[in-house]
């Protein structure tokens, strides 16, 4: 009788231990990814003899609600998407991309100053824009990184748009590797920023900086 009573108490305890061990063994930890790159200033066309005498502020990019989250978006078709539960952006993409844009322009040294914030003085121009899509395409036959954006250079005072740069890039990726996904998106932004910077150099180069007047 005593032996039977012991079994009644021991078996539930053993079952609980096995269940807890299984839960611990199968627990999934989230993995975090970030967009990042260092501009490589090798193209002489992306350099100026002297910085243009302007201060430029990079505003935080706008982003649709679909992509305004830390969960990475995976799209299966034009009408079906999902959010990874354990594959997350370390920082929301609109913040990271805006910081990278400011760093890229500042590294090129084409302006007197390019920054995300101006506390004690007013900038002459600002760069604004929208992230239209930042996602992974995934189906049985195809996997790709997708980044679409619009960028604007405009007067800080009048909001007059001087330049617009728009792109919609998609690059196939071999296999499902999230590190490659983040790097591919970073490389896309790097290449597009080179093009946008070249257009700004051409714009201000065709308008003598000493004679460019801002409407205030």
C-alpha atoms as a PDB file:
ATOM      1  CA  UNK A   1       0.000   0.000   0.000  1.00  0.00           C
ATOM      2  CA  UNK A   2       2.825   2.380   0.891  1.00  0.00           C
ATOM      3  CA  UNK A   3       4.635   1.482  -2.318  1.00  0.00           C
ATOM      4  CA  UNK A   4       1.528   2.256  -4.377  1.00  0.00           C
ATOM      5  CA  UNK A   5       1.113   5.606  -2.647  1.00  0.00           C
ATOM      6  CA  UNK A   6       4.712   6.512  -3.436  1.00  0.00           C
ATOM      7  CA  UNK A   7       4.144   5.763  -7.112  1.00  0.00           C
ATOM      8  CA  UNK A   8       1.066   7.997  -7.147  1.00  0.00           C
ATOM      9  CA  UNK A   9       3.185  10.936  -6.011  1.00  0.00           C
ATOM     10  CA  UNK A  10       6.389  10.139  -7.908  1.00  0.00           C
ATOM     11  CA  UNK A  11       4.919   9.678 -11.378  1.00  0.00           C
ATOM     12  CA  UNK A  12       3.312  13.170 -11.599  1.00  0.00           C
ATOM     13  CA  UNK A  13       6.561  14.737 -10.409  1.00  0.00           C
ATOM     14  CA  UNK A  14       8.570  12.859 -13.022  1.00  0.00           C
ATOM     15  CA  UNK A  15       6.086  13.836 -15.705  1.00  0.00           C
ATOM     16  CA  UNK A  16       6.370  17.488 -14.681  1.00  0.00           C
ATOM     17  CA  UNK A  17      10.169  17.342 -14.803  1.00  0.00           C
ATOM     18  CA  UNK A  18      10.097  15.792 -18.282  1.00  0.00           C
ATOM     19  CA  UNK A  19       7.632  18.434 -19.486  1.00  0.00           C
ATOM     20  CA  UNK A  20       9.735  21.306 -18.127  1.00  0.00           C
ATOM     21  CA  UNK A  21      12.868  19.839 -19.708  1.00  0.00           C
ATOM     22  CA  UNK A  22      11.117  19.562 -23.079  1.00  0.00           C
ATOM     23  CA  UNK A  23       9.927  23.165 -22.910  1.00  0.00           C
ATOM     24  CA  UNK A  24      13.432  24.361 -22.065  1.00  0.00           C
ATOM     25  CA  UNK A  25      14.989  22.348 -24.871  1.00  0.00           C
ATOM     26  CA  UNK A  26      12.583  23.637 -27.506  1.00  0.00           C
ATOM     27  CA  UNK A  27      12.479  27.310 -26.444  1.00  0.00           C
ATOM     28  CA  UNK A  28      13.347  29.682 -29.272  1.00  0.00           C
ATOM     29  CA  UNK A  29      15.250  32.891 -28.645  1.00  0.00           C
ATOM     30  CA  UNK A  30      14.623  35.864 -30.943  1.00  0.00           C
ATOM     31  CA  UNK A  31      17.401  36.948 -33.290  1.00  0.00           C
ATOM     32  CA  UNK A  32      17.989  40.586 -34.065  1.00  0.00           C
ATOM     33  CA  UNK A  33      19.236  42.112 -37.327  1.00  0.00           C
ATOM     34  CA  UNK A  34      20.295  45.590 -38.326  1.00  0.00           C
ATOM     35  CA  UNK A  35      20.961  47.536 -41.503  1.00  0.00           C
ATOM     36  CA  UNK A  36      24.493  48.870 -41.621  1.00  0.00           C
ATOM     37  CA  UNK A  37      27.258  49.809 -44.049  1.00  0.00           C
ATOM     38  CA  UNK A  38      30.265  52.079 -44.312  1.00  0.00           C
ATOM     39  CA  UNK A  39      30.339  54.327 -47.381  1.00  0.00           C
ATOM     40  CA  UNK A  40      33.310  53.587 -49.642  1.00  0.00           C
ATOM     41  CA  UNK A  41      34.365  56.911 -51.133  1.00  0.00           C
ATOM     42  CA  UNK A  42      36.187  55.747 -54.247  1.00  0.00           C
ATOM     43  CA  UNK A  43      34.218  57.516 -56.963  1.00  0.00           C
ATOM     44  CA  UNK A  44      35.709  60.949 -57.683  1.00  0.00           C
ATOM     45  CA  UNK A  45      32.303  62.111 -58.916  1.00  0.00           C
ATOM     46  CA  UNK A  46      31.030  61.852 -55.341  1.00  0.00           C
ATOM     47  CA  UNK A  47      33.592  64.352 -54.107  1.00  0.00           C
ATOM     48  CA  UNK A  48      33.744  68.148 -54.243  1.00  0.00           C
ATOM     49  CA  UNK A  49      36.755  70.454 -54.001  1.00  0.00           C
ATOM     50  CA  UNK A  50      34.988  72.405 -51.273  1.00  0.00           C
ATOM     51  CA  UNK A  51      31.815  71.611 -49.337  1.00  0.00           C
ATOM     52  CA  UNK A  52      28.741  73.503 -50.447  1.00  0.00           C
ATOM     53  CA  UNK A  53      28.120  76.167 -47.770  1.00  0.00           C
ATOM     54  CA  UNK A  54      24.844  74.721 -46.519  1.00  0.00           C
ATOM     55  CA  UNK A  55      23.541  72.868 -43.508  1.00  0.00           C
ATOM     56  CA  UNK A  56      21.304  69.876 -44.249  1.00  0.00           C
ATOM     57  CA  UNK A  57      19.065  68.032 -41.821  1.00  0.00           C
ATOM     58  CA  UNK A  58      17.933  64.441 -42.423  1.00  0.00           C
ATOM     59  CA  UNK A  59      14.438  63.896 -41.089  1.00  0.00           C
ATOM     60  CA  UNK A  60      13.176  60.502 -39.968  1.00  0.00           C
ATOM     61  CA  UNK A  61      11.728  58.674 -42.948  1.00  0.00           C
ATOM     62  CA  UNK A  62       7.990  58.022 -43.029  1.00  0.00           C
ATOM     63  CA  UNK A  63       6.868  54.407 -43.255  1.00  0.00           C
ATOM     64  CA  UNK A  64       3.508  52.659 -43.795  1.00  0.00           C
ATOM     65  CA  UNK A  65       1.986  50.861 -40.831  1.00  0.00           C
ATOM     66  CA  UNK A  66       2.614  47.539 -42.520  1.00  0.00           C
ATOM     67  CA  UNK A  67       6.369  47.975 -42.034  1.00  0.00           C
ATOM     68  CA  UNK A  68       6.366  50.149 -38.910  1.00  0.00           C
ATOM     69  CA  UNK A  69       7.386  47.398 -36.500  1.00  0.00           C
ATOM     70  CA  UNK A  70      10.407  45.461 -35.331  1.00  0.00           C
ATOM     71  CA  UNK A  71       9.136  42.197 -36.822  1.00  0.00           C
ATOM     72  CA  UNK A  72      10.666  41.555 -40.237  1.00  0.00           C
ATOM     73  CA  UNK A  73       8.039  41.344 -42.977  1.00  0.00           C
ATOM     74  CA  UNK A  74       7.935  38.303 -45.241  1.00  0.00           C
ATOM     75  CA  UNK A  75       5.725  38.507 -48.331  1.00  0.00           C
ATOM     76  CA  UNK A  76       4.436  35.398 -50.067  1.00  0.00           C
ATOM     77  CA  UNK A  77       2.396  37.109 -52.793  1.00  0.00           C
ATOM     78  CA  UNK A  78       0.891  40.457 -53.706  1.00  0.00           C
ATOM     79  CA  UNK A  79      -1.970  39.786 -51.294  1.00  0.00           C
ATOM     80  CA  UNK A  80      -0.342  37.693 -48.569  1.00  0.00           C
ATOM     81  CA  UNK A  81       2.324  38.619 -46.048  1.00  0.00           C
ATOM     82  CA  UNK A  82       3.332  37.676 -42.533  1.00  0.00           C
ATOM     83  CA  UNK A  83       5.637  38.810 -39.742  1.00  0.00           C
ATOM     84  CA  UNK A  84       8.503  36.761 -38.401  1.00  0.00           C
ATOM     85  CA  UNK A  85       8.016  36.111 -34.712  1.00  0.00           C
ATOM     86  CA  UNK A  86      11.639  35.548 -33.768  1.00  0.00           C
ATOM     87  CA  UNK A  87      13.445  37.440 -36.533  1.00  0.00           C
ATOM     88  CA  UNK A  88      13.400  41.076 -35.544  1.00  0.00           C
ATOM     89  CA  UNK A  89      14.958  44.401 -36.437  1.00  0.00           C
ATOM     90  CA  UNK A  90      17.204  45.605 -33.609  1.00  0.00           C
ATOM     91  CA  UNK A  91      16.001  49.147 -34.402  1.00  0.00           C
ATOM     92  CA  UNK A  92      12.945  50.119 -36.409  1.00  0.00           C
ATOM     93  CA  UNK A  93      14.047  50.465 -40.058  1.00  0.00           C
ATOM     94  CA  UNK A  94      12.944  54.094 -40.492  1.00  0.00           C
ATOM     95  CA  UNK A  95      15.333  55.151 -37.715  1.00  0.00           C
ATOM     96  CA  UNK A  96      18.269  53.086 -38.944  1.00  0.00           C
ATOM     97  CA  UNK A  97      17.854  54.139 -42.577  1.00  0.00           C
ATOM     98  CA  UNK A  98      17.604  57.838 -41.660  1.00  0.00           C
ATOM     99  CA  UNK A  99      20.791  57.558 -39.590  1.00  0.00           C
ATOM    100  CA  UNK A 100      22.596  55.796 -42.446  1.00  0.00           C
ATOM    101  CA  UNK A 101      21.536  58.486 -44.916  1.00  0.00           C
ATOM    102  CA  UNK A 102      22.870  61.247 -42.666  1.00  0.00           C
ATOM    103  CA  UNK A 103      26.121  59.363 -42.081  1.00  0.00           C
ATOM    104  CA  UNK A 104      26.604  58.680 -45.798  1.00  0.00           C
ATOM    105  CA  UNK A 105      26.134  62.329 -46.811  1.00  0.00           C
ATOM    106  CA  UNK A 106      28.297  63.547 -43.936  1.00  0.00           C
ATOM    107  CA  UNK A 107      31.065  61.096 -44.883  1.00  0.00           C
ATOM    108  CA  UNK A 108      31.128  62.453 -48.440  1.00  0.00           C
ATOM    109  CA  UNK A 109      31.645  65.975 -47.096  1.00  0.00           C
ATOM    110  CA  UNK A 110      29.621  67.660 -49.828  1.00  0.00           C
ATOM    111  CA  UNK A 111      27.921  70.035 -47.378  1.00  0.00           C
ATOM    112  CA  UNK A 112      29.208  72.239 -44.613  1.00  0.00           C
ATOM    113  CA  UNK A 113      27.212  70.086 -42.228  1.00  0.00           C
ATOM    114  CA  UNK A 114      24.751  67.219 -42.488  1.00  0.00           C
ATOM    115  CA  UNK A 115      23.090  65.979 -39.330  1.00  0.00           C
ATOM    116  CA  UNK A 116      19.954  64.388 -37.914  1.00  0.00           C
ATOM    117  CA  UNK A 117      19.386  67.295 -35.507  1.00  0.00           C
ATOM    118  CA  UNK A 118      20.183  70.990 -35.278  1.00  0.00           C
ATOM    119  CA  UNK A 119      19.639  72.337 -31.781  1.00  0.00           C
ATOM    120  CA  UNK A 120      21.049  75.866 -31.841  1.00  0.00           C
ATOM    121  CA  UNK A 121      20.753  76.794 -35.508  1.00  0.00           C
ATOM    122  CA  UNK A 122      18.457  76.326 -38.446  1.00  0.00           C
ATOM    123  CA  UNK A 123      19.469  74.193 -41.439  1.00  0.00           C
ATOM    124  CA  UNK A 124      19.191  75.480 -44.996  1.00  0.00           C
ATOM    125  CA  UNK A 125      17.808  72.287 -46.490  1.00  0.00           C
ATOM    126  CA  UNK A 126      16.322  69.045 -45.322  1.00  0.00           C
ATOM    127  CA  UNK A 127      16.102  65.545 -46.684  1.00  0.00           C
ATOM    128  CA  UNK A 128      12.796  63.778 -46.179  1.00  0.00           C
ATOM    129  CA  UNK A 129      11.275  60.678 -47.633  1.00  0.00           C
ATOM    130  CA  UNK A 130       9.292  57.507 -47.245  1.00  0.00           C
ATOM    131  CA  UNK A 131      10.131  53.835 -47.031  1.00  0.00           C
ATOM    132  CA  UNK A 132       7.499  52.331 -49.303  1.00  0.00           C
ATOM    133  CA  UNK A 133       8.537  48.709 -48.700  1.00  0.00           C
ATOM    134  CA  UNK A 134      11.208  46.825 -46.789  1.00  0.00           C
ATOM    135  CA  UNK A 135      10.534  43.102 -46.860  1.00  0.00           C
ATOM    136  CA  UNK A 136      11.590  39.635 -47.853  1.00  0.00           C
ATOM    137  CA  UNK A 137       9.951  37.899 -50.795  1.00  0.00           C
ATOM    138  CA  UNK A 138       9.588  34.211 -50.141  1.00  0.00           C
ATOM    139  CA  UNK A 139       7.931  31.309 -51.979  1.00  0.00           C
ATOM    140  CA  UNK A 140       8.879  27.802 -53.083  1.00  0.00           C
ATOM    141  CA  UNK A 141      10.859  28.990 -56.099  1.00  0.00           C
ATOM    142  CA  UNK A 142      12.094  32.453 -55.202  1.00  0.00           C
ATOM    143  CA  UNK A 143      13.629  34.368 -52.300  1.00  0.00           C
ATOM    144  CA  UNK A 144      14.609  38.028 -52.535  1.00  0.00           C
ATOM    145  CA  UNK A 145      15.175  41.244 -50.607  1.00  0.00           C
ATOM    146  CA  UNK A 146      12.941  44.181 -51.532  1.00  0.00           C
ATOM    147  CA  UNK A 147      13.488  47.856 -50.727  1.00  0.00           C
ATOM    148  CA  UNK A 148      11.481  50.734 -52.200  1.00  0.00           C
ATOM    149  CA  UNK A 149      11.868  54.389 -51.192  1.00  0.00           C
ATOM    150  CA  UNK A 150      11.300  58.002 -52.146  1.00  0.00           C
ATOM    151  CA  UNK A 151      13.820  60.667 -51.111  1.00  0.00           C
ATOM    152  CA  UNK A 152      13.398  64.430 -51.341  1.00  0.00           C
ATOM    153  CA  UNK A 153      15.762  67.361 -51.008  1.00  0.00           C
ATOM    154  CA  UNK A 154      13.783  70.465 -50.139  1.00  0.00           C
ATOM    155  CA  UNK A 155      14.162  73.953 -48.720  1.00  0.00           C
ATOM    156  CA  UNK A 156      13.829  73.997 -44.950  1.00  0.00           C
ATOM    157  CA  UNK A 157      11.760  77.196 -44.881  1.00  0.00           C
ATOM    158  CA  UNK A 158       9.491  76.884 -47.891  1.00  0.00           C
ATOM    159  CA  UNK A 159       9.310  73.076 -48.235  1.00  0.00           C
ATOM    160  CA  UNK A 160       9.995  73.544 -51.954  1.00  0.00           C
ATOM    161  CA  UNK A 161      11.148  70.219 -53.385  1.00  0.00           C
ATOM    162  CA  UNK A 162      14.372  70.636 -55.338  1.00  0.00           C
ATOM    163  CA  UNK A 163      15.211  66.994 -56.062  1.00  0.00           C
ATOM    164  CA  UNK A 164      13.426  63.667 -55.838  1.00  0.00           C
ATOM    165  CA  UNK A 165      15.081  60.266 -55.946  1.00  0.00           C
ATOM    166  CA  UNK A 166      12.840  57.208 -56.182  1.00  0.00           C
ATOM    167  CA  UNK A 167      13.810  53.545 -56.410  1.00  0.00           C
ATOM    168  CA  UNK A 168      12.258  50.101 -56.149  1.00  0.00           C
ATOM    169  CA  UNK A 169      14.968  47.440 -55.889  1.00  0.00           C
ATOM    170  CA  UNK A 170      14.604  43.678 -55.652  1.00  0.00           C
ATOM    171  CA  UNK A 171      17.543  41.284 -55.430  1.00  0.00           C
ATOM    172  CA  UNK A 172      17.352  37.503 -55.371  1.00  0.00           C
ATOM    173  CA  UNK A 173      19.022  35.710 -52.481  1.00  0.00           C
ATOM    174  CA  UNK A 174      20.282  32.125 -52.538  1.00  0.00           C
ATOM    175  CA  UNK A 175      18.701  30.370 -49.576  1.00  0.00           C
ATOM    176  CA  UNK A 176      16.999  31.763 -46.533  1.00  0.00           C
ATOM    177  CA  UNK A 177      19.729  33.541 -44.564  1.00  0.00           C
ATOM    178  CA  UNK A 178      18.637  36.592 -42.601  1.00  0.00           C
ATOM    179  CA  UNK A 179      22.178  37.972 -42.310  1.00  0.00           C
ATOM    180  CA  UNK A 180      22.348  38.006 -46.104  1.00  0.00           C
ATOM    181  CA  UNK A 181      18.917  39.623 -46.227  1.00  0.00           C
ATOM    182  CA  UNK A 182      20.034  42.496 -43.961  1.00  0.00           C
ATOM    183  CA  UNK A 183      23.306  42.915 -45.890  1.00  0.00           C
ATOM    184  CA  UNK A 184      21.530  42.932 -49.250  1.00  0.00           C
ATOM    185  CA  UNK A 185      19.180  45.700 -48.118  1.00  0.00           C
ATOM    186  CA  UNK A 186      22.145  47.659 -46.748  1.00  0.00           C
ATOM    187  CA  UNK A 187      24.001  47.349 -50.054  1.00  0.00           C
ATOM    188  CA  UNK A 188      20.892  48.534 -51.928  1.00  0.00           C
ATOM    189  CA  UNK A 189      20.676  51.652 -49.773  1.00  0.00           C
ATOM    190  CA  UNK A 190      24.405  52.292 -50.171  1.00  0.00           C
ATOM    191  CA  UNK A 191      24.179  52.199 -53.978  1.00  0.00           C
ATOM    192  CA  UNK A 192      21.061  54.357 -54.121  1.00  0.00           C
ATOM    193  CA  UNK A 193      22.549  56.944 -51.778  1.00  0.00           C
ATOM    194  CA  UNK A 194      25.578  57.247 -54.077  1.00  0.00           C
ATOM    195  CA  UNK A 195      23.164  58.080 -56.895  1.00  0.00           C
ATOM    196  CA  UNK A 196      21.227  60.573 -54.787  1.00  0.00           C
ATOM    197  CA  UNK A 197      24.418  62.289 -53.623  1.00  0.00           C
ATOM    198  CA  UNK A 198      25.641  62.519 -57.223  1.00  0.00           C
ATOM    199  CA  UNK A 199      22.392  64.233 -58.188  1.00  0.00           C
ATOM    200  CA  UNK A 200      22.767  66.731 -55.327  1.00  0.00           C
ATOM    201  CA  UNK A 201      26.332  67.513 -56.396  1.00  0.00           C
ATOM    202  CA  UNK A 202      25.133  68.097 -59.962  1.00  0.00           C
ATOM    203  CA  UNK A 203      22.287  70.311 -58.748  1.00  0.00           C
ATOM    204  CA  UNK A 204      24.409  72.567 -56.570  1.00  0.00           C
ATOM    205  CA  UNK A 205      27.296  72.440 -59.035  1.00  0.00           C
ATOM    206  CA  UNK A 206      25.038  73.865 -61.746  1.00  0.00           C
ATOM    207  CA  UNK A 207      23.885  76.551 -59.325  1.00  0.00           C
ATOM    208  CA  UNK A 208      26.891  78.433 -58.010  1.00  0.00           C
ATOM    209  CA  UNK A 209      26.648  77.990 -54.207  1.00  0.00           C
ATOM    210  CA  UNK A 210      27.609  81.609 -53.759  1.00  0.00           C
ATOM    211  CA  UNK A 211      24.600  82.641 -55.803  1.00  0.00           C
ATOM    212  CA  UNK A 212      22.030  80.117 -54.591  1.00  0.00           C
ATOM    213  CA  UNK A 213      19.480  82.075 -52.609  1.00  0.00           C
ATOM    214  CA  UNK A 214      16.965  80.526 -50.269  1.00  0.00           C
ATOM    215  CA  UNK A 215      13.470  81.932 -49.974  1.00  0.00           C
ATOM    216  CA  UNK A 216      13.058  82.931 -46.353  1.00  0.00           C
END
